[in-house]
């Protein structure tokens, strides 16, 4: 039986190197085994502050990391944010997408393990295709990593708001490309209906039958993750359901496919999020001076938990808490499937759970997650 392991390493610390905080983690592992971590280095404490998007590379399975590479440099009057990375399934191409001022979207590529990148190509045009149904003034991605399906289609979850320079009210959708990111199409909008309130940051995974499952945060009274399925590769989305097994304090979380039944002999999907439902700790907040107020699960971002599903996300057979006080997270797995990586916001600053002390990377294996039942 393979011995279990878990290690944790702080990559960044709050208030160091000229940055106020480090947030919005994303992590991927390439087909050749390079691990790429990206995140926002913020000079202020809000979402609209000046910030750079940083890349760190590891070529030794996450044991050590390169110095910071400023992949996208902000300015005093602009913010660059909501980045997502895709590792190609059928090539060594890596795609990196981000937004400028919540109003424009750009894409770059790397063919050398994240060593060098192309010049940015603007793809805001795909968001303009939503305007006939939803006249947005704020757009963003689901952060972390996005996916390429076995068919070759790139799928990215996106959210939009028409409430001014705030993240709500919001709707959820997707964009996708069938020509390696040269052109993009829009998916159907997941509307705020049947009690669904302000869905936003989401994560997607391909199911074994080729459909796509989206799992997302929202501000509805039901403090459980929202789930919706697309049977046509992210073009249209079905009815919203809530996964009663996945509590959530209105925070980002991430899915990761680690095994397909026809390839590895079992279905394996991981999910990470702060598994706190806010019960008994709900307050009313006024965000960004807006008159709109809503019940927020105290934003108690704690009990960061990693779960494993063996039946395509229907149930979650194994779970283990990775960190008590945390925030956003993302997951990746090495090509040999022996090491799982979780890049996450770690520990709170002075009890304020919207601000975390560290950006950390945890490495562990299935034996740790399943107490030795799986290796």
Protein backbone atom coordinates (compact mmCIF):
# COMPACT_ATOMS: atom_id res chain seq x y z
CA UNK A 1 0.00 0.00 0.00
CA UNK A 2 1.31 3.45 -0.95
CA UNK A 3 2.18 5.58 2.06
CA UNK A 4 0.10 8.71 2.39
CA UNK A 5 1.67 12.15 2.40
CA UNK A 6 0.68 15.78 2.88
CA UNK A 7 2.99 18.79 2.70
CA UNK A 8 2.21 22.51 2.83
CA UNK A 9 4.35 25.39 1.59
CA UNK A 10 3.62 29.12 1.84
CA UNK A 11 4.40 30.78 -1.48
CA UNK A 12 3.43 34.32 -0.50
CA UNK A 13 2.71 36.29 2.68
CA UNK A 14 0.30 39.16 3.24
CA UNK A 15 1.92 42.62 3.12
CA UNK A 16 5.27 41.63 1.57
CA UNK A 17 7.25 42.54 -1.55
CA UNK A 18 5.24 45.70 -2.15
CA UNK A 19 1.88 43.94 -2.28
CA UNK A 20 -0.92 44.18 0.25
CA UNK A 21 -2.33 40.73 -0.40
CA UNK A 22 -2.16 37.68 -2.65
CA UNK A 23 -5.44 36.18 -3.83
CA UNK A 24 -7.39 34.24 -6.46
CA UNK A 25 -5.21 31.12 -6.88
CA UNK A 26 -5.02 28.93 -9.98
CA UNK A 27 -2.88 25.86 -10.54
CA UNK A 28 -2.33 23.37 -13.37
CA UNK A 29 0.09 20.57 -14.18
CA UNK A 30 1.18 20.16 -17.79
CA UNK A 31 1.47 16.91 -19.73
CA UNK A 32 5.24 17.04 -19.19
CA UNK A 33 4.90 17.58 -15.44
CA UNK A 34 5.58 21.29 -15.02
CA UNK A 35 3.34 22.79 -12.32
CA UNK A 36 2.16 26.36 -12.95
CA UNK A 37 0.66 28.51 -10.20
CA UNK A 38 -0.94 31.87 -10.96
CA UNK A 39 -2.57 34.43 -8.70
CA UNK A 40 -3.32 38.12 -8.18
CA UNK A 41 -0.77 40.25 -6.31
CA UNK A 42 -2.86 43.15 -5.05
CA UNK A 43 -1.53 46.54 -3.98
CA UNK A 44 -4.81 47.27 -2.21
CA UNK A 45 -7.38 45.13 -0.46
CA UNK A 46 -10.35 45.26 -2.84
CA UNK A 47 -11.25 43.59 -6.11
CA UNK A 48 -10.82 46.83 -8.05
CA UNK A 49 -7.37 47.78 -6.79
CA UNK A 50 -4.17 47.85 -8.86
CA UNK A 51 -2.87 44.33 -9.10
CA UNK A 52 -0.46 42.23 -11.09
CA UNK A 53 -1.07 38.65 -12.20
CA UNK A 54 1.85 36.51 -11.07
CA UNK A 55 3.08 33.16 -12.41
CA UNK A 56 5.32 30.72 -10.51
CA UNK A 57 6.71 27.50 -12.05
CA UNK A 58 7.80 24.23 -10.47
CA UNK A 59 9.71 21.51 -12.29
CA UNK A 60 10.18 19.21 -9.29
CA UNK A 61 6.59 18.27 -8.46
CA UNK A 62 5.92 21.32 -6.31
CA UNK A 63 8.91 20.97 -4.00
CA UNK A 64 10.43 24.28 -5.10
CA UNK A 65 9.18 27.23 -7.14
CA UNK A 66 10.62 29.82 -9.47
CA UNK A 67 10.77 33.50 -8.65
CA UNK A 68 7.73 35.58 -9.52
CA UNK A 69 7.04 36.16 -13.18
CA UNK A 70 4.73 39.14 -13.75
CA UNK A 71 2.53 37.66 -16.44
CA UNK A 72 0.17 40.65 -16.61
CA UNK A 73 1.20 43.98 -15.09
CA UNK A 74 -1.45 46.32 -13.78
CA UNK A 75 -1.38 50.12 -13.83
CA UNK A 76 -2.40 52.81 -11.35
CA UNK A 77 -5.74 53.26 -13.11
CA UNK A 78 -6.49 49.71 -14.30
CA UNK A 79 -6.96 46.29 -12.76
CA UNK A 80 -6.23 42.91 -14.34
CA UNK A 81 -8.03 40.00 -12.77
CA UNK A 82 -10.12 36.81 -12.93
CA UNK A 83 -7.48 34.75 -14.69
CA UNK A 84 -7.95 31.14 -15.73
CA UNK A 85 -5.53 28.64 -17.29
CA UNK A 86 -6.18 25.63 -19.53
CA UNK A 87 -3.73 22.82 -20.23
CA UNK A 88 -4.21 21.26 -23.65
CA UNK A 89 -5.17 17.58 -23.71
CA UNK A 90 -3.94 16.90 -27.24
CA UNK A 91 -0.93 19.24 -27.44
CA UNK A 92 1.52 21.06 -25.22
CA UNK A 93 -0.35 24.34 -25.63
CA UNK A 94 -1.25 26.21 -22.45
CA UNK A 95 -3.97 28.86 -22.63
CA UNK A 96 -4.23 31.79 -20.21
CA UNK A 97 -7.23 34.12 -20.09
CA UNK A 98 -7.80 37.22 -17.98
CA UNK A 99 -9.87 40.41 -17.78
CA UNK A 100 -9.10 44.13 -17.77
CA UNK A 101 -11.25 46.44 -15.64
CA UNK A 102 -14.05 43.85 -15.65
CA UNK A 103 -14.81 45.01 -19.21
CA UNK A 104 -12.34 43.35 -21.61
CA UNK A 105 -11.06 39.79 -21.97
CA UNK A 106 -7.68 38.66 -23.33
CA UNK A 107 -6.00 35.37 -24.21
CA UNK A 108 -2.34 34.33 -24.47
CA UNK A 109 -0.65 30.99 -25.19
CA UNK A 110 2.53 29.19 -24.25
CA UNK A 111 4.14 26.26 -26.09
CA UNK A 112 7.12 25.85 -23.75
CA UNK A 113 5.73 24.92 -20.33
CA UNK A 114 4.87 28.50 -19.42
CA UNK A 115 8.37 29.79 -20.12
CA UNK A 116 7.32 32.29 -22.79
CA UNK A 117 3.93 33.59 -23.91
CA UNK A 118 2.38 35.09 -27.01
CA UNK A 119 1.18 38.67 -27.22
CA UNK A 120 -2.40 39.10 -25.90
CA UNK A 121 -5.36 38.68 -28.22
CA UNK A 122 -8.56 40.41 -27.19
CA UNK A 123 -11.64 38.15 -27.20
CA UNK A 124 -14.18 40.53 -25.63
CA UNK A 125 -16.29 40.04 -28.77
CA UNK A 126 -17.68 36.78 -27.40
CA UNK A 127 -19.06 38.63 -24.37
CA UNK A 128 -20.72 41.16 -26.67
CA UNK A 129 -22.83 38.27 -27.97
CA UNK A 130 -24.66 38.23 -24.64
CA UNK A 131 -25.88 41.83 -24.86
CA UNK A 132 -29.08 41.03 -26.73
CA UNK A 133 -30.18 39.14 -23.61
CA UNK A 134 -28.12 40.75 -20.86
CA UNK A 135 -26.63 44.24 -21.04
CA UNK A 136 -23.66 43.66 -18.75
CA UNK A 137 -21.17 46.19 -17.42
CA UNK A 138 -19.05 43.72 -15.43
CA UNK A 139 -17.61 40.44 -16.72
CA UNK A 140 -15.33 37.81 -15.21
CA UNK A 141 -14.19 34.20 -15.45
CA UNK A 142 -14.58 31.44 -12.91
CA UNK A 143 -10.89 31.85 -11.87
CA UNK A 144 -8.53 28.95 -11.19
CA UNK A 145 -8.32 26.53 -14.12
CA UNK A 146 -10.70 25.80 -16.98
CA UNK A 147 -10.85 22.72 -19.21
CA UNK A 148 -10.38 21.19 -22.62
CA UNK A 149 -12.83 18.38 -23.35
CA UNK A 150 -11.78 15.09 -24.93
CA UNK A 151 -13.35 16.41 -28.13
CA UNK A 152 -10.86 19.29 -28.12
CA UNK A 153 -13.37 21.99 -27.15
CA UNK A 154 -12.18 24.61 -24.66
CA UNK A 155 -14.81 25.47 -22.03
CA UNK A 156 -14.64 28.41 -19.60
CA UNK A 157 -17.29 29.35 -17.06
CA UNK A 158 -18.07 33.09 -16.96
CA UNK A 159 -20.31 35.44 -14.98
CA UNK A 160 -21.72 38.89 -15.75
CA UNK A 161 -23.28 41.71 -13.75
CA UNK A 162 -25.34 44.75 -14.77
CA UNK A 163 -25.27 46.44 -11.36
CA UNK A 164 -22.44 48.94 -11.89
CA UNK A 165 -18.95 48.44 -10.47
CA UNK A 166 -20.08 45.61 -8.21
CA UNK A 167 -20.44 41.87 -8.68
CA UNK A 168 -24.21 41.72 -8.30
CA UNK A 169 -26.88 41.24 -9.49
CA UNK A 170 -25.25 38.57 -11.62
CA UNK A 171 -25.90 35.75 -14.05
CA UNK A 172 -23.81 32.76 -15.07
CA UNK A 173 -22.87 31.21 -18.40
CA UNK A 174 -19.94 29.82 -20.39
CA UNK A 175 -17.85 30.50 -23.44
CA UNK A 176 -16.26 27.82 -25.61
CA UNK A 177 -13.94 27.36 -28.59
CA UNK A 178 -13.64 24.54 -31.12
CA UNK A 179 -10.57 25.89 -32.89
CA UNK A 180 -7.99 26.09 -30.10
CA UNK A 181 -9.04 29.52 -28.92
CA UNK A 182 -9.00 31.32 -32.28
CA UNK A 183 -12.74 32.01 -32.14
CA UNK A 184 -15.21 31.77 -29.28
CA UNK A 185 -18.93 31.14 -28.89
CA UNK A 186 -21.26 31.93 -26.00
CA UNK A 187 -23.32 29.49 -23.98
CA UNK A 188 -26.85 29.94 -22.70
CA UNK A 189 -27.43 32.13 -19.65
CA UNK A 190 -28.26 30.51 -16.33
CA UNK A 191 -30.90 32.94 -15.12
CA UNK A 192 -31.74 34.07 -11.60
CA UNK A 193 -35.00 32.19 -11.26
CA UNK A 194 -36.61 29.62 -8.95
CA UNK A 195 -34.88 31.14 -5.94
CA UNK A 196 -31.39 31.30 -7.47
CA UNK A 197 -29.73 34.57 -6.41
CA UNK A 198 -26.57 36.02 -7.96
CA UNK A 199 -24.68 32.97 -9.25
CA UNK A 200 -21.10 33.90 -10.08
CA UNK A 201 -17.71 32.17 -9.87
CA UNK A 202 -18.01 28.63 -11.19
CA UNK A 203 -15.93 25.59 -12.05
CA UNK A 204 -16.50 23.00 -14.80
CA UNK A 205 -15.58 19.35 -15.31
CA UNK A 206 -16.19 16.86 -18.12
CA UNK A 207 -18.26 13.83 -17.13
CA UNK A 208 -17.59 10.36 -18.47
CA UNK A 209 -20.51 10.56 -20.93
CA UNK A 210 -19.09 13.75 -22.46
CA UNK A 211 -21.46 16.15 -20.75
CA UNK A 212 -20.15 19.07 -18.72
CA UNK A 213 -20.97 19.72 -15.07
CA UNK A 214 -20.78 23.25 -13.69
CA UNK A 215 -20.55 23.80 -9.93
CA UNK A 216 -20.94 27.38 -8.66
CA UNK A 217 -21.27 29.80 -5.77
CA UNK A 218 -24.42 31.86 -5.32
CA UNK A 219 -26.17 34.05 -2.76
CA UNK A 220 -29.42 32.14 -2.41
CA UNK A 221 -30.69 31.24 1.09
CA UNK A 222 -29.77 27.59 0.42
CA UNK A 223 -26.14 27.46 1.51
CA UNK A 224 -25.29 24.55 -0.80
CA UNK A 225 -23.30 24.60 -4.04
CA UNK A 226 -25.30 25.04 -7.22
CA UNK A 227 -24.94 22.43 -9.96
CA UNK A 228 -26.05 22.49 -13.59
CA UNK A 229 -25.36 20.11 -16.51
CA UNK A 230 -24.74 20.74 -20.20
CA UNK A 231 -25.25 17.85 -22.64
CA UNK A 232 -23.80 19.74 -25.60
CA UNK A 233 -20.37 20.79 -24.40
CA UNK A 234 -21.31 24.01 -22.61
CA UNK A 235 -23.55 25.47 -25.34
CA UNK A 236 -26.79 25.13 -23.37
CA UNK A 237 -27.37 24.48 -19.67
CA UNK A 238 -30.12 22.55 -17.91
CA UNK A 239 -31.97 23.14 -14.67
CA UNK A 240 -30.18 24.28 -11.52
CA UNK A 241 -29.96 21.86 -8.62
CA UNK A 242 -28.29 22.17 -5.23
CA UNK A 243 -25.84 19.58 -3.96
CA UNK A 244 -26.92 19.00 -0.36
CA UNK A 245 -23.55 17.34 0.33
CA UNK A 246 -21.60 20.52 -0.46
CA UNK A 247 -22.06 23.39 2.03
CA UNK A 248 -20.63 26.73 0.96
CA UNK A 249 -20.26 30.20 2.57
CA UNK A 250 -20.48 32.04 -0.78
CA UNK A 251 -16.92 31.38 -1.88
CA UNK A 252 -15.09 30.06 -4.91
CA UNK A 253 -14.43 26.31 -5.18
CA UNK A 254 -12.99 23.97 -7.80
CA UNK A 255 -13.60 20.66 -9.55
CA UNK A 256 -10.88 18.47 -11.07
CA UNK A 257 -11.20 15.28 -13.10
CA UNK A 258 -8.44 12.86 -12.04
CA UNK A 259 -9.60 9.65 -13.75
CA UNK A 260 -11.88 8.50 -16.56
CA UNK A 261 -13.38 4.99 -16.23
CA UNK A 262 -12.30 3.92 -19.72
CA UNK A 263 -8.69 5.03 -19.12
CA UNK A 264 -7.86 4.56 -15.44
CA UNK A 265 -10.57 2.02 -14.60
CA UNK A 266 -12.49 4.24 -12.21
CA UNK A 267 -14.27 7.57 -12.18
CA UNK A 268 -12.50 10.21 -10.12
CA UNK A 269 -13.54 13.83 -9.56
CA UNK A 270 -12.09 16.04 -6.84
CA UNK A 271 -13.74 19.12 -5.36
CA UNK A 272 -12.31 21.72 -2.98
CA UNK A 273 -14.09 24.52 -1.14
CA UNK A 274 -14.64 26.05 2.27
CA UNK A 275 -17.25 23.68 3.68
CA UNK A 276 -19.00 26.08 6.05
CA UNK A 277 -22.68 26.86 5.57
CA UNK A 278 -22.90 30.05 7.65
CA UNK A 279 -25.60 28.76 9.98
CA UNK A 280 -25.96 30.92 13.06
CA UNK A 281 -23.51 33.46 11.70
CA UNK A 282 -25.39 35.36 9.00
CA UNK A 283 -25.16 39.14 8.85
CA UNK A 284 -26.35 41.86 6.50
CA UNK A 285 -23.77 43.82 4.57
CA UNK A 286 -23.80 46.79 2.24
CA UNK A 287 -21.23 46.26 -0.53
CA UNK A 288 -19.36 49.11 -2.30
CA UNK A 289 -21.86 51.71 -1.12
CA UNK A 290 -24.67 50.07 -3.05
CA UNK A 291 -28.19 50.35 -1.73
CA UNK A 292 -28.71 46.69 -2.51
CA UNK A 293 -28.22 44.55 0.57
CA UNK A 294 -28.30 40.81 0.91
CA UNK A 295 -27.79 38.10 3.48
CA UNK A 296 -24.18 36.94 3.43
CA UNK A 297 -23.10 33.80 5.26
CA UNK A 298 -20.68 36.02 7.24
CA UNK A 299 -18.23 35.14 4.45
CA UNK A 300 -16.91 32.59 6.96
CA UNK A 301 -14.38 31.00 4.70
CA UNK A 302 -13.23 28.13 6.82
CA UNK A 303 -12.96 24.33 6.80
CA UNK A 304 -11.27 24.09 3.39
CA UNK A 305 -12.16 20.53 2.43
CA UNK A 306 -11.08 18.28 -0.43
CA UNK A 307 -13.60 15.65 -1.57
CA UNK A 308 -13.49 12.71 -3.96
CA UNK A 309 -16.42 11.41 -5.99
CA UNK A 310 -16.31 7.96 -7.60
CA UNK A 311 -19.70 8.27 -9.35
CA UNK A 312 -19.46 11.38 -11.53
CA UNK A 313 -20.23 13.86 -8.76
CA UNK A 314 -23.47 12.23 -7.62
CA UNK A 315 -22.04 11.45 -4.18
CA UNK A 316 -18.76 12.27 -2.47
CA UNK A 317 -17.24 9.12 -1.06
CA UNK A 318 -14.25 10.66 0.71
CA UNK A 319 -13.53 14.04 2.25
CA UNK A 320 -10.83 15.55 4.43
CA UNK A 321 -10.29 19.04 5.81
CA UNK A 322 -7.09 20.60 4.49
CA UNK A 323 -7.13 23.91 6.40
CA UNK A 324 -9.44 25.39 9.03
CA UNK A 325 -9.22 29.08 8.11
CA UNK A 326 -8.94 29.58 4.38
CA UNK A 327 -10.52 31.04 1.24
CA UNK A 328 -10.26 30.39 -2.51
CA UNK A 329 -8.58 27.22 -3.81
CA UNK A 330 -7.73 25.34 -6.99
CA UNK A 331 -6.63 21.78 -7.76
CA UNK A 332 -4.24 20.04 -10.16
CA UNK A 333 -2.79 16.54 -10.51
CA UNK A 334 0.56 15.31 -11.80
CA UNK A 335 0.62 13.38 -15.10
CA UNK A 336 1.33 10.11 -13.26
CA UNK A 337 -1.65 10.83 -10.95
CA UNK A 338 0.53 10.25 -7.88
CA UNK A 339 0.52 13.84 -6.59
CA UNK A 340 -2.39 16.22 -6.13
CA UNK A 341 -1.76 19.95 -5.76
CA UNK A 342 -4.01 22.47 -4.02
CA UNK A 343 -3.13 26.15 -4.28
CA UNK A 344 -5.16 28.05 -1.71
CA UNK A 345 -5.61 31.12 0.47
CA UNK A 346 -4.44 30.19 3.96
CA UNK A 347 -5.20 31.59 7.43
CA UNK A 348 -6.96 34.85 8.25
CA UNK A 349 -5.47 38.26 9.07
CA UNK A 350 -6.61 39.43 12.52
CA UNK A 351 -9.77 37.36 12.33
CA UNK A 352 -10.97 39.09 9.13
CA UNK A 353 -11.90 36.19 6.92
CA UNK A 354 -11.92 38.21 3.69
CA UNK A 355 -8.15 38.70 4.06
CA UNK A 356 -5.77 35.78 4.23
CA UNK A 357 -2.18 35.73 5.49
CA UNK A 358 -0.66 33.36 2.98
CA UNK A 359 -0.98 31.89 -0.45
CA UNK A 360 -0.01 28.25 0.06
CA UNK A 361 0.38 25.09 -1.98
CA UNK A 362 -0.44 21.69 -0.49
CA UNK A 363 0.73 18.45 -2.08
CA UNK A 364 -0.88 15.16 -1.15
CA UNK A 365 -1.99 11.84 -2.62
CA UNK A 366 -5.16 9.77 -2.73
CA UNK A 367 -3.88 7.67 0.14
CA UNK A 368 -3.99 10.77 2.37
CA UNK A 369 -7.43 11.77 1.18
CA UNK A 370 -8.93 8.26 1.55
CA UNK A 371 -7.00 7.16 4.67
CA UNK A 372 -5.15 4.54 2.66
CA UNK A 373 -8.18 3.04 0.92
CA UNK A 374 -6.99 4.33 -2.46
CA UNK A 375 -3.45 4.92 -3.72
